[in-house]
Structures are given as C-alpha cells and as structure tokens.
Amino acid sequence: MMMTINYIASFFLIVLGFYTIVTKYNIVKTVIGLSIVDYGVNLLIISIGYVPGGTAPIFTEGEINQLSYFVDPIPQALTLTSIVIGACVTAMSMSLVMKLHESYGTLDTREIRRLHG
C-alpha cells in the first residue's frame, strides 16, 4: 500500500510538472515545472529501487546467507546524481531567465516571441 502511494505521487508530480511546462507562459513557472518533473522522477527511481525488508549492502563474508535481502544501491546513486544535476539545471535556467528579463523586460514567452520576430 505504501509503495502504491509513492508511485501515484511520483506520476502526479511528473504530470503536474509537464502540465506546468506546457500551459504556463511565464518562464519562471516553466522552470518550476521542470523542477517538479525532476522531483517526480527522483521519487519514482527511489520507489522502484526499494526492497521491503532490505538492508544496506555493507557486509562481511560471514554475514551473507540465503535469507539476506539487500537494497540495490544503483537507484540511490542515480537519484543522488540526478538531484545534483537538477540543482545545476535549475540554477542555470534561472540565470538565463534573469538575462532574458534584462534583455526583453518581460518573462512572458508570448511577448518575447513577438519582440524577437
């Protein structure tokens, strides 16, 4: 039941982020939508990698038996990498938004398209 809630929440975040990206004309809201999609994908990756009753894959040779369940560290490492990349993409996007606002005086994509030609 708990994992179902994680999957529903992750798909909700992904859909909400894509909805925001597609329907909003403010560039800051578009960047926020991109971040929401990133959070949803991170939650999905962590939920897929979850093993009920699993422990950290840190062990010595004598501790392993047939009943040992270990959590796969790959999804956790990918999510950690994704968090860092997402923060960098958000920072870079916001710096580009600031430059667009300096150049065009607006954050509305319809106005920027009209001004640019």
N, C-alpha and C. Protein backbone atom coordinates (compact mmCIF):
# COMPACT_ATOMS: atom_id res chain seq x y z
N MET A 1 0.81 -1.19 0.00
CA MET A 1 0.00 0.00 0.00
C MET A 1 0.86 1.27 0.00
N MET A 2 1.91 1.25 0.81
CA MET A 2 2.77 2.43 0.90
C MET A 2 3.49 2.68 -0.43
N MET A 3 3.90 1.63 -1.11
CA MET A 3 4.59 1.81 -2.38
C MET A 3 3.64 2.33 -3.45
N THR A 4 2.38 1.93 -3.39
CA THR A 4 1.40 2.43 -4.34
C THR A 4 1.26 3.95 -4.20
N ILE A 5 1.28 4.44 -2.98
CA ILE A 5 1.19 5.88 -2.75
C ILE A 5 2.40 6.58 -3.36
N ASN A 6 3.58 5.98 -3.24
CA ASN A 6 4.78 6.58 -3.84
C ASN A 6 4.66 6.65 -5.36
N TYR A 7 4.17 5.57 -5.98
CA TYR A 7 4.02 5.58 -7.43
C TYR A 7 2.98 6.60 -7.87
N ILE A 8 1.87 6.67 -7.17
CA ILE A 8 0.83 7.65 -7.51
C ILE A 8 1.37 9.07 -7.35
N ALA A 9 2.10 9.32 -6.26
CA ALA A 9 2.66 10.66 -6.03
C ALA A 9 3.69 11.01 -7.10
N SER A 10 4.52 10.06 -7.48
CA SER A 10 5.54 10.36 -8.49
C SER A 10 4.90 10.64 -9.85
N PHE A 11 3.90 9.85 -10.24
CA PHE A 11 3.24 10.12 -11.51
C PHE A 11 2.46 11.43 -11.46
N PHE A 12 1.88 11.76 -10.30
CA PHE A 12 1.19 13.04 -10.15
C PHE A 12 2.17 14.19 -10.32
N LEU A 13 3.34 14.10 -9.70
CA LEU A 13 4.34 15.16 -9.83
C LEU A 13 4.82 15.30 -11.26
N ILE A 14 5.04 14.18 -11.94
CA ILE A 14 5.50 14.23 -13.33
C ILE A 14 4.44 14.88 -14.22
N VAL A 15 3.19 14.47 -14.06
CA VAL A 15 2.11 15.03 -14.88
C VAL A 15 1.91 16.51 -14.56
N LEU A 16 1.95 16.88 -13.27
CA LEU A 16 1.80 18.27 -12.88
C LEU A 16 2.93 19.13 -13.46
N GLY A 17 4.15 18.61 -13.43
CA GLY A 17 5.28 19.34 -13.99
C GLY A 17 5.15 19.54 -15.49
N PHE A 18 4.76 18.47 -16.21
CA PHE A 18 4.57 18.62 -17.66
C PHE A 18 3.42 19.56 -17.98
N TYR A 19 2.35 19.50 -17.19
CA TYR A 19 1.23 20.42 -17.37
C TYR A 19 1.69 21.87 -17.21
N THR A 20 2.51 22.10 -16.19
CA THR A 20 3.02 23.45 -15.95
C THR A 20 3.91 23.91 -17.09
N ILE A 21 4.77 23.02 -17.58
CA ILE A 21 5.67 23.38 -18.68
C ILE A 21 4.88 23.74 -19.93
N VAL A 22 3.84 22.98 -20.22
CA VAL A 22 3.10 23.17 -21.47
C VAL A 22 2.14 24.35 -21.41
N THR A 23 1.51 24.58 -20.27
CA THR A 23 0.41 25.56 -20.25
C THR A 23 0.80 26.95 -19.76
N LYS A 24 1.88 27.11 -19.05
CA LYS A 24 2.22 28.42 -18.48
C LYS A 24 3.10 29.21 -19.45
N TYR A 25 2.87 30.51 -19.48
CA TYR A 25 3.64 31.38 -20.36
C TYR A 25 4.76 32.12 -19.64
N ASN A 26 4.75 32.10 -18.33
CA ASN A 26 5.80 32.72 -17.54
C ASN A 26 6.99 31.76 -17.48
N ILE A 27 8.17 32.26 -17.81
CA ILE A 27 9.35 31.39 -17.89
C ILE A 27 9.74 30.85 -16.52
N VAL A 28 9.54 31.63 -15.47
CA VAL A 28 9.87 31.15 -14.12
C VAL A 28 8.97 29.97 -13.76
N LYS A 29 7.70 30.03 -14.11
CA LYS A 29 6.79 28.91 -13.85
C LYS A 29 7.17 27.69 -14.67
N THR A 30 7.68 27.90 -15.86
CA THR A 30 8.16 26.78 -16.67
C THR A 30 9.36 26.11 -16.02
N VAL A 31 10.28 26.89 -15.48
CA VAL A 31 11.44 26.33 -14.78
C VAL A 31 11.00 25.57 -13.53
N ILE A 32 10.00 26.11 -12.83
CA ILE A 32 9.46 25.40 -11.65
C ILE A 32 8.83 24.08 -12.08
N GLY A 33 8.12 24.07 -13.19
CA GLY A 33 7.54 22.83 -13.72
C GLY A 33 8.61 21.81 -14.06
N LEU A 34 9.72 22.27 -14.61
CA LEU A 34 10.83 21.37 -14.92
C LEU A 34 11.39 20.76 -13.63
N SER A 35 11.48 21.54 -12.59
CA SER A 35 11.96 21.03 -11.30
C SER A 35 10.98 20.03 -10.70
N ILE A 36 9.69 20.28 -10.85
CA ILE A 36 8.69 19.34 -10.33
C ILE A 36 8.77 18.00 -11.05
N VAL A 37 8.99 18.02 -12.35
CA VAL A 37 9.19 16.76 -13.10
C VAL A 37 10.42 16.03 -12.56
N ASP A 38 11.48 16.77 -12.29
CA ASP A 38 12.70 16.17 -11.75
C ASP A 38 12.44 15.50 -10.41
N TYR A 39 11.67 16.16 -9.54
CA TYR A 39 11.36 15.57 -8.23
C TYR A 39 10.51 14.30 -8.39
N GLY A 40 9.57 14.33 -9.32
CA GLY A 40 8.74 13.15 -9.56
C GLY A 40 9.55 11.96 -10.07
N VAL A 41 10.48 12.23 -10.97
CA VAL A 41 11.33 11.15 -11.50
C VAL A 41 12.23 10.61 -10.40
N ASN A 42 12.75 11.49 -9.55
CA ASN A 42 13.59 11.02 -8.44
C ASN A 42 12.80 10.12 -7.50
N LEU A 43 11.57 10.51 -7.17
CA LEU A 43 10.73 9.69 -6.31
C LEU A 43 10.43 8.35 -6.97
N LEU A 44 10.21 8.34 -8.27
CA LEU A 44 9.93 7.09 -8.98
C LEU A 44 11.14 6.17 -8.96
N ILE A 45 12.32 6.71 -9.20
CA ILE A 45 13.53 5.87 -9.19
C ILE A 45 13.78 5.27 -7.82
N ILE A 46 13.62 6.06 -6.78
CA ILE A 46 13.81 5.55 -5.42
C ILE A 46 12.76 4.51 -5.08
N SER A 47 11.52 4.72 -5.52
CA SER A 47 10.45 3.76 -5.23
C SER A 47 10.68 2.45 -5.95
N ILE A 48 11.19 2.50 -7.17
CA ILE A 48 11.47 1.27 -7.91
C ILE A 48 12.61 0.50 -7.25
N GLY A 49 13.60 1.20 -6.72
CA GLY A 49 14.75 0.55 -6.12
C GLY A 49 14.53 0.06 -4.70
N TYR A 50 13.34 0.32 -4.12
CA TYR A 50 13.08 -0.07 -2.74
C TYR A 50 12.87 -1.58 -2.64
N VAL A 51 13.47 -2.19 -1.63
CA VAL A 51 13.30 -3.61 -1.35
C VAL A 51 12.74 -3.74 0.07
N PRO A 52 11.51 -4.27 0.22
CA PRO A 52 10.95 -4.40 1.57
C PRO A 52 11.81 -5.33 2.44
N GLY A 53 12.17 -4.87 3.59
CA GLY A 53 12.99 -5.67 4.50
C GLY A 53 14.46 -5.70 4.14
N GLY A 54 14.86 -4.92 3.16
CA GLY A 54 16.25 -4.91 2.72
C GLY A 54 17.13 -4.09 3.64
N THR A 55 18.40 -4.44 3.64
CA THR A 55 19.37 -3.70 4.42
C THR A 55 20.41 -3.09 3.49
N ALA A 56 21.26 -2.27 4.05
CA ALA A 56 22.32 -1.65 3.25
C ALA A 56 23.29 -2.74 2.77
N PRO A 57 23.81 -2.62 1.56
CA PRO A 57 24.70 -3.65 1.03
C PRO A 57 26.13 -3.54 1.56
N ILE A 58 26.24 -3.40 2.87
CA ILE A 58 27.54 -3.35 3.52
C ILE A 58 27.62 -4.59 4.39
N PHE A 59 28.54 -5.48 4.08
CA PHE A 59 28.59 -6.75 4.79
C PHE A 59 30.00 -7.31 4.75
N THR A 60 30.24 -8.28 5.62
CA THR A 60 31.47 -9.05 5.57
C THR A 60 31.13 -10.43 5.05
N GLU A 61 32.12 -11.21 4.76
CA GLU A 61 31.89 -12.51 4.13
C GLU A 61 31.05 -13.44 4.98
N GLY A 62 31.17 -13.39 6.29
CA GLY A 62 30.44 -14.30 7.15
C GLY A 62 28.99 -13.91 7.36
N GLU A 63 28.59 -12.70 6.98
CA GLU A 63 27.23 -12.23 7.22
C GLU A 63 26.24 -12.62 6.13
N ILE A 64 26.69 -13.08 5.00
CA ILE A 64 25.80 -13.39 3.88
C ILE A 64 25.22 -14.78 4.04
N ASN A 65 23.89 -14.89 3.89
CA ASN A 65 23.23 -16.19 3.83
C ASN A 65 22.11 -16.10 2.80
N GLN A 66 21.35 -17.18 2.65
CA GLN A 66 20.30 -17.22 1.62
C GLN A 66 19.13 -16.26 1.93
N LEU A 67 18.96 -15.89 3.19
CA LEU A 67 17.84 -15.04 3.58
C LEU A 67 18.19 -13.56 3.59
N SER A 68 19.37 -13.21 3.15
CA SER A 68 19.79 -11.81 3.15
C SER A 68 19.15 -11.05 1.99
N TYR A 69 18.51 -9.92 2.31
CA TYR A 69 17.94 -9.05 1.30
C TYR A 69 18.66 -7.72 1.36
N PHE A 70 19.25 -7.34 0.25
CA PHE A 70 19.99 -6.10 0.19
C PHE A 70 19.29 -5.12 -0.74
N VAL A 71 19.34 -3.87 -0.39
CA VAL A 71 18.81 -2.81 -1.24
C VAL A 71 19.82 -2.54 -2.34
N ASP A 72 19.32 -2.38 -3.56
CA ASP A 72 20.21 -2.09 -4.69
C ASP A 72 20.70 -0.65 -4.58
N PRO A 73 22.01 -0.42 -4.51
CA PRO A 73 22.50 0.95 -4.35
C PRO A 73 22.49 1.77 -5.64
N ILE A 74 22.30 1.15 -6.79
CA ILE A 74 22.35 1.87 -8.06
C ILE A 74 21.24 2.93 -8.17
N PRO A 75 19.97 2.62 -7.88
CA PRO A 75 18.95 3.68 -7.96
C PRO A 75 19.23 4.83 -7.00
N GLN A 76 19.77 4.54 -5.84
CA GLN A 76 20.09 5.61 -4.90
C GLN A 76 21.21 6.49 -5.44
N ALA A 77 22.22 5.88 -6.04
CA ALA A 77 23.32 6.67 -6.62
C ALA A 77 22.83 7.50 -7.81
N LEU A 78 21.96 6.91 -8.63
CA LEU A 78 21.42 7.65 -9.77
C LEU A 78 20.57 8.83 -9.30
N THR A 79 19.80 8.63 -8.25
CA THR A 79 18.96 9.71 -7.73
C THR A 79 19.82 10.81 -7.13
N LEU A 80 20.85 10.45 -6.42
CA LEU A 80 21.74 11.47 -5.86
C LEU A 80 22.39 12.29 -6.98
N THR A 81 22.81 11.61 -8.03
CA THR A 81 23.38 12.31 -9.19
C THR A 81 22.32 13.19 -9.85
N SER A 82 21.10 12.70 -9.94
CA SER A 82 20.02 13.46 -10.55
C SER A 82 19.68 14.70 -9.74
N ILE A 83 19.75 14.61 -8.42
CA ILE A 83 19.49 15.78 -7.57
C ILE A 83 20.52 16.87 -7.84
N VAL A 84 21.78 16.48 -7.94
CA VAL A 84 22.84 17.46 -8.20
C VAL A 84 22.67 18.08 -9.59
N ILE A 85 22.38 17.25 -10.58
CA ILE A 85 22.19 17.75 -11.94
C ILE A 85 20.96 18.67 -11.99
N GLY A 86 19.88 18.28 -11.31
CA GLY A 86 18.67 19.10 -11.28
C GLY A 86 18.91 20.46 -10.66
N ALA A 87 19.70 20.50 -9.59
CA ALA A 87 20.01 21.78 -8.96
C ALA A 87 20.82 22.66 -9.91
N CYS A 88 21.76 22.06 -10.62
CA CYS A 88 22.57 22.83 -11.58
C CYS A 88 21.72 23.33 -12.75
N VAL A 89 20.83 22.48 -13.25
CA VAL A 89 19.97 22.90 -14.36
C VAL A 89 19.04 24.03 -13.92
N THR A 90 18.51 23.93 -12.71
CA THR A 90 17.64 24.99 -12.21
C THR A 90 18.40 26.30 -12.05
N ALA A 91 19.60 26.23 -11.51
CA ALA A 91 20.41 27.45 -11.34
C ALA A 91 20.76 28.06 -12.69
N MET A 92 21.14 27.24 -13.64
CA MET A 92 21.47 27.74 -14.98
C MET A 92 20.24 28.32 -15.67
N SER A 93 19.11 27.64 -15.52
CA SER A 93 17.87 28.14 -16.12
C SER A 93 17.47 29.48 -15.54
N MET A 94 17.60 29.62 -14.23
CA MET A 94 17.23 30.89 -13.60
C MET A 94 18.17 32.02 -14.01
N SER A 95 19.45 31.70 -14.23
CA SER A 95 20.36 32.74 -14.71
C SER A 95 19.99 33.16 -16.14
N LEU A 96 19.57 32.20 -16.96
CA LEU A 96 19.11 32.56 -18.30
C LEU A 96 17.82 33.36 -18.26
N VAL A 97 16.93 33.03 -17.31
CA VAL A 97 15.69 33.80 -17.14
C VAL A 97 16.02 35.24 -16.75
N MET A 98 16.99 35.41 -15.87
CA MET A 98 17.39 36.77 -15.48
C MET A 98 17.93 37.54 -16.68
N LYS A 99 18.74 36.90 -17.53
CA LYS A 99 19.27 37.57 -18.72
C LYS A 99 18.15 37.90 -19.71
N LEU A 100 17.17 37.00 -19.86
CA LEU A 100 16.04 37.29 -20.73
C LEU A 100 15.25 38.49 -20.22
N HIS A 101 15.08 38.56 -18.91
CA HIS A 101 14.35 39.69 -18.34
C HIS A 101 15.11 40.99 -18.53
N GLU A 102 16.44 40.93 -18.43
CA GLU A 102 17.25 42.13 -18.69
C GLU A 102 17.14 42.56 -20.15
N SER A 103 17.15 41.60 -21.06
CA SER A 103 17.13 41.92 -22.49
C SER A 103 15.77 42.38 -22.98
N TYR A 104 14.71 41.68 -22.57
CA TYR A 104 13.39 41.94 -23.13
C TYR A 104 12.46 42.69 -22.18
N GLY A 105 12.77 42.72 -20.89
CA GLY A 105 11.93 43.42 -19.94
C GLY A 105 10.66 42.68 -19.56
N THR A 106 10.55 41.44 -19.94
CA THR A 106 9.37 40.63 -19.62
C THR A 106 9.78 39.17 -19.47
N LEU A 107 8.92 38.40 -18.82
CA LEU A 107 9.13 36.96 -18.69
C LEU A 107 8.06 36.16 -19.42
N ASP A 108 7.19 36.85 -20.14
CA ASP A 108 6.12 36.20 -20.89
C ASP A 108 6.66 35.70 -22.22
N THR A 109 6.54 34.39 -22.47
CA THR A 109 7.10 33.83 -23.70
C THR A 109 6.40 34.36 -24.94
N ARG A 110 5.12 34.70 -24.83
CA ARG A 110 4.41 35.26 -26.00
C ARG A 110 4.99 36.61 -26.38
N GLU A 111 5.31 37.43 -25.38
CA GLU A 111 5.89 38.75 -25.65
C GLU A 111 7.31 38.63 -26.19
N ILE A 112 8.09 37.71 -25.64
CA ILE A 112 9.47 37.54 -26.12
C ILE A 112 9.46 37.07 -27.57
N ARG A 113 8.56 36.16 -27.93
CA ARG A 113 8.46 35.71 -29.32
C ARG A 113 8.06 36.86 -30.23
N ARG A 114 7.13 37.70 -29.76
CA ARG A 114 6.66 38.83 -30.56
C ARG A 114 7.76 39.86 -30.74
N LEU A 115 8.56 40.09 -29.69
CA LEU A 115 9.63 41.07 -29.78
C LEU A 115 10.78 40.59 -30.65
N HIS A 116 11.03 39.31 -30.62
CA HIS A 116 12.17 38.76 -31.34
C HIS A 116 11.88 38.66 -32.83
N GLY A 117 10.65 38.37 -33.19
CA GLY A 117 10.28 38.31 -34.60
C GLY A 117 10.23 36.97 -35.07
